Amino acid sequence: MTGPVVVISGATPDSPPPGIEPAAALADVRYGPDAEALATAITDAEALFFWRADRAWVEDAFDRATSLRWIQSASDGVDGLLFPALV
C-alpha cells in the first residue's frame, strides 16, 4: 500500500476501531497494540489515531515520530493525551 502511514494505538488488526477498514484503501494502516509495538510503528507514521491506549506509550515513543504531522484522538477531549513535548 502506498499512501500516508497511519498508526492506530491500542488496537490490533483483529480488533480494530469500528469503521476503520475503509482507511486501508487510502493509507498504510499499522497497529500499535502496546508500548513496544507503538514505538516501532510510529517511526515513519504521518498520522496517529489515539485509540484505547495509554498516553505514556505515545510520550515514550514521541521522539521516534520524526514524520508525524497529525494526531487524532478517539475521545471528545485531548487532555488525557497531552504531555509537555507534544504541547
N, C-alpha and C. Protein backbone atom coordinates (compact mmCIF):
# COMPACT_ATOMS: atom_id res chain seq x y z
N MET A 1 0.85 -1.19 0.00
CA MET A 1 0.00 0.00 0.00
C MET A 1 0.89 1.24 0.00
N THR A 2 0.60 2.12 -0.88
CA THR A 2 1.25 3.42 -0.83
C THR A 2 0.27 4.41 -0.23
N GLY A 3 0.79 5.48 0.24
CA GLY A 3 -0.03 6.48 0.90
C GLY A 3 0.54 6.78 2.25
N PRO A 4 -0.08 7.66 2.98
CA PRO A 4 0.45 8.01 4.29
C PRO A 4 0.40 6.82 5.25
N VAL A 5 1.35 6.78 6.16
CA VAL A 5 1.36 5.76 7.20
C VAL A 5 0.54 6.27 8.37
N VAL A 6 -0.47 5.51 8.74
CA VAL A 6 -1.34 5.85 9.86
C VAL A 6 -1.22 4.74 10.89
N VAL A 7 -0.89 5.11 12.11
CA VAL A 7 -0.76 4.13 13.19
C VAL A 7 -1.95 4.29 14.12
N ILE A 8 -2.54 3.17 14.47
CA ILE A 8 -3.65 3.16 15.42
C ILE A 8 -3.11 2.57 16.72
N SER A 9 -3.08 3.40 17.75
CA SER A 9 -2.57 2.94 19.04
C SER A 9 -3.66 2.22 19.82
N GLY A 10 -3.26 1.17 20.51
CA GLY A 10 -4.19 0.46 21.37
C GLY A 10 -5.13 -0.48 20.65
N ALA A 11 -4.83 -0.83 19.40
CA ALA A 11 -5.69 -1.74 18.63
C ALA A 11 -4.83 -2.74 17.88
N THR A 12 -5.48 -3.77 17.38
CA THR A 12 -4.82 -4.77 16.56
C THR A 12 -5.62 -4.95 15.28
N PRO A 13 -5.04 -5.58 14.26
CA PRO A 13 -5.83 -5.86 13.05
C PRO A 13 -7.04 -6.73 13.34
N ASP A 14 -6.95 -7.59 14.37
CA ASP A 14 -8.07 -8.46 14.73
C ASP A 14 -9.13 -7.75 15.57
N SER A 15 -8.76 -6.61 16.14
CA SER A 15 -9.68 -5.84 16.97
C SER A 15 -9.51 -4.35 16.69
N PRO A 16 -9.83 -3.93 15.45
CA PRO A 16 -9.64 -2.53 15.08
C PRO A 16 -10.77 -1.64 15.58
N PRO A 17 -10.58 -0.33 15.55
CA PRO A 17 -11.69 0.57 15.87
C PRO A 17 -12.81 0.37 14.85
N PRO A 18 -14.05 0.49 15.27
CA PRO A 18 -15.17 0.32 14.34
C PRO A 18 -15.08 1.28 13.17
N GLY A 19 -15.29 0.79 11.98
CA GLY A 19 -15.35 1.62 10.78
C GLY A 19 -14.01 2.02 10.20
N ILE A 20 -12.91 1.50 10.69
CA ILE A 20 -11.59 1.91 10.22
C ILE A 20 -11.19 1.21 8.91
N GLU A 21 -11.85 0.13 8.57
CA GLU A 21 -11.46 -0.67 7.42
C GLU A 21 -11.32 0.12 6.12
N PRO A 22 -12.20 1.06 5.78
CA PRO A 22 -12.04 1.81 4.53
C PRO A 22 -10.75 2.64 4.46
N ALA A 23 -10.16 2.96 5.60
CA ALA A 23 -8.92 3.74 5.60
C ALA A 23 -7.78 2.99 4.92
N ALA A 24 -7.85 1.67 4.91
CA ALA A 24 -6.80 0.87 4.29
C ALA A 24 -6.70 1.10 2.79
N ALA A 25 -7.74 1.61 2.17
CA ALA A 25 -7.70 1.93 0.74
C ALA A 25 -6.97 3.24 0.48
N LEU A 26 -6.81 4.05 1.50
CA LEU A 26 -6.20 5.38 1.37
C LEU A 26 -4.84 5.50 2.03
N ALA A 27 -4.55 4.61 2.97
CA ALA A 27 -3.34 4.76 3.77
C ALA A 27 -2.76 3.39 4.11
N ASP A 28 -1.52 3.42 4.53
CA ASP A 28 -0.85 2.23 5.06
C ASP A 28 -1.17 2.21 6.55
N VAL A 29 -2.19 1.44 6.92
CA VAL A 29 -2.67 1.40 8.29
C VAL A 29 -1.86 0.36 9.07
N ARG A 30 -1.29 0.81 10.18
CA ARG A 30 -0.50 -0.06 11.05
C ARG A 30 -1.06 0.03 12.47
N TYR A 31 -0.70 -0.94 13.28
CA TYR A 31 -1.26 -1.01 14.63
C TYR A 31 -0.16 -1.01 15.68
N GLY A 32 -0.42 -0.33 16.78
CA GLY A 32 0.46 -0.30 17.94
C GLY A 32 -0.33 -0.72 19.16
N PRO A 33 -0.54 -2.03 19.33
CA PRO A 33 -1.40 -2.51 20.41
C PRO A 33 -0.80 -2.37 21.81
N ASP A 34 0.50 -2.12 21.88
CA ASP A 34 1.15 -1.96 23.18
C ASP A 34 2.31 -0.97 22.99
N ALA A 35 2.97 -0.64 24.08
CA ALA A 35 4.03 0.38 24.04
C ALA A 35 5.16 0.00 23.09
N GLU A 36 5.58 -1.23 23.12
CA GLU A 36 6.70 -1.66 22.27
C GLU A 36 6.33 -1.61 20.79
N ALA A 37 5.17 -2.12 20.45
CA ALA A 37 4.74 -2.11 19.05
C ALA A 37 4.51 -0.68 18.55
N LEU A 38 3.97 0.18 19.40
CA LEU A 38 3.76 1.56 19.01
C LEU A 38 5.08 2.26 18.74
N ALA A 39 6.08 2.02 19.59
CA ALA A 39 7.39 2.64 19.41
C ALA A 39 8.02 2.26 18.07
N THR A 40 7.77 1.06 17.61
CA THR A 40 8.28 0.61 16.32
C THR A 40 7.46 1.18 15.17
N ALA A 41 6.15 1.12 15.29
CA ALA A 41 5.26 1.54 14.19
C ALA A 41 5.28 3.04 13.94
N ILE A 42 5.53 3.83 14.97
CA ILE A 42 5.41 5.28 14.86
C ILE A 42 6.59 5.94 14.13
N THR A 43 7.66 5.21 13.90
CA THR A 43 8.88 5.83 13.37
C THR A 43 8.67 6.55 12.05
N ASP A 44 7.86 6.02 11.16
CA ASP A 44 7.62 6.70 9.88
C ASP A 44 6.15 7.08 9.69
N ALA A 45 5.40 7.11 10.78
CA ALA A 45 3.98 7.47 10.71
C ALA A 45 3.79 8.95 10.45
N GLU A 46 2.83 9.26 9.61
CA GLU A 46 2.44 10.65 9.37
C GLU A 46 1.25 11.03 10.24
N ALA A 47 0.48 10.01 10.65
CA ALA A 47 -0.69 10.26 11.49
C ALA A 47 -0.79 9.17 12.55
N LEU A 48 -1.32 9.57 13.69
CA LEU A 48 -1.55 8.65 14.79
C LEU A 48 -3.01 8.78 15.21
N PHE A 49 -3.69 7.65 15.28
CA PHE A 49 -5.05 7.62 15.80
C PHE A 49 -4.96 7.05 17.21
N PHE A 50 -5.18 7.91 18.20
CA PHE A 50 -5.06 7.54 19.62
C PHE A 50 -6.34 6.85 20.04
N TRP A 51 -6.28 5.52 20.11
CA TRP A 51 -7.46 4.69 20.36
C TRP A 51 -7.15 3.71 21.49
N ARG A 52 -7.79 3.86 22.61
CA ARG A 52 -7.66 2.92 23.73
C ARG A 52 -6.21 2.61 24.09
N ALA A 53 -5.43 3.62 24.19
CA ALA A 53 -4.02 3.44 24.53
C ALA A 53 -3.69 4.27 25.76
N ASP A 54 -2.54 4.05 26.26
CA ASP A 54 -2.04 4.80 27.40
C ASP A 54 -1.20 5.97 26.88
N ARG A 55 -1.42 7.15 27.40
CA ARG A 55 -0.66 8.33 26.97
C ARG A 55 0.84 8.10 27.10
N ALA A 56 1.26 7.38 28.11
CA ALA A 56 2.69 7.13 28.32
C ALA A 56 3.31 6.41 27.12
N TRP A 57 2.55 5.58 26.43
CA TRP A 57 3.07 4.90 25.23
C TRP A 57 3.48 5.93 24.19
N VAL A 58 2.61 6.90 23.96
CA VAL A 58 2.88 7.94 22.96
C VAL A 58 4.02 8.84 23.44
N GLU A 59 3.97 9.21 24.68
CA GLU A 59 5.02 10.07 25.24
C GLU A 59 6.39 9.41 25.12
N ASP A 60 6.47 8.13 25.45
CA ASP A 60 7.75 7.42 25.39
C ASP A 60 8.26 7.26 23.96
N ALA A 61 7.36 7.15 22.99
CA ALA A 61 7.75 6.92 21.60
C ALA A 61 7.83 8.21 20.79
N PHE A 62 7.43 9.33 21.36
CA PHE A 62 7.28 10.57 20.60
C PHE A 62 8.55 11.03 19.89
N ASP A 63 9.69 10.85 20.51
CA ASP A 63 10.94 11.30 19.87
C ASP A 63 11.29 10.46 18.64
N ARG A 64 10.67 9.31 18.47
CA ARG A 64 10.90 8.46 17.29
C ARG A 64 9.97 8.85 16.13
N ALA A 65 8.97 9.66 16.41
CA ALA A 65 7.95 10.01 15.42
C ALA A 65 8.40 11.20 14.58
N THR A 66 9.41 11.00 13.78
CA THR A 66 10.02 12.11 13.03
C THR A 66 9.18 12.60 11.85
N SER A 67 8.19 11.82 11.42
CA SER A 67 7.34 12.22 10.29
C SER A 67 5.92 12.57 10.71
N LEU A 68 5.64 12.50 12.00
CA LEU A 68 4.28 12.70 12.50
C LEU A 68 3.80 14.13 12.25
N ARG A 69 2.63 14.23 11.60
CA ARG A 69 2.04 15.54 11.30
C ARG A 69 0.65 15.71 11.90
N TRP A 70 0.03 14.62 12.30
CA TRP A 70 -1.34 14.70 12.77
C TRP A 70 -1.57 13.66 13.86
N ILE A 71 -2.28 14.05 14.91
CA ILE A 71 -2.74 13.12 15.94
C ILE A 71 -4.23 13.31 16.07
N GLN A 72 -4.95 12.21 15.94
CA GLN A 72 -6.41 12.22 16.09
C GLN A 72 -6.75 11.41 17.33
N SER A 73 -7.53 11.98 18.20
CA SER A 73 -7.94 11.28 19.40
C SER A 73 -9.36 10.76 19.23
N ALA A 74 -9.60 9.56 19.70
CA ALA A 74 -10.94 8.97 19.63
C ALA A 74 -11.87 9.55 20.69
N SER A 75 -11.30 10.21 21.68
CA SER A 75 -12.13 10.77 22.75
C SER A 75 -12.59 12.17 22.39
N ASP A 76 -13.54 12.67 23.16
CA ASP A 76 -14.05 14.01 22.90
C ASP A 76 -13.18 15.10 23.52
N GLY A 77 -12.11 14.72 24.16
CA GLY A 77 -11.16 15.68 24.73
C GLY A 77 -9.75 15.15 24.54
N VAL A 78 -8.79 16.04 24.61
CA VAL A 78 -7.40 15.61 24.43
C VAL A 78 -6.56 15.77 25.69
N ASP A 79 -7.18 16.20 26.77
CA ASP A 79 -6.41 16.42 27.99
C ASP A 79 -5.73 15.15 28.49
N GLY A 80 -6.29 13.99 28.22
CA GLY A 80 -5.68 12.73 28.62
C GLY A 80 -4.51 12.32 27.76
N LEU A 81 -4.32 13.01 26.65
CA LEU A 81 -3.23 12.69 25.72
C LEU A 81 -2.07 13.66 25.82
N LEU A 82 -2.30 14.87 26.24
CA LEU A 82 -1.27 15.91 26.23
C LEU A 82 -0.11 15.63 27.19
N PHE A 83 1.08 15.93 26.73
CA PHE A 83 2.29 15.86 27.54
C PHE A 83 3.20 16.97 27.06
N PRO A 84 4.17 17.41 27.83
CA PRO A 84 4.95 18.61 27.51
C PRO A 84 5.55 18.63 26.09
N ALA A 85 6.18 17.57 25.63
CA ALA A 85 6.80 17.58 24.30
C ALA A 85 5.78 17.73 23.18
N LEU A 86 4.58 17.22 23.40
CA LEU A 86 3.52 17.34 22.39
C LEU A 86 2.96 18.75 22.35
N VAL A 87 2.77 19.33 23.51
CA VAL A 87 2.22 20.69 23.59
C VAL A 87 3.17 21.64 22.91
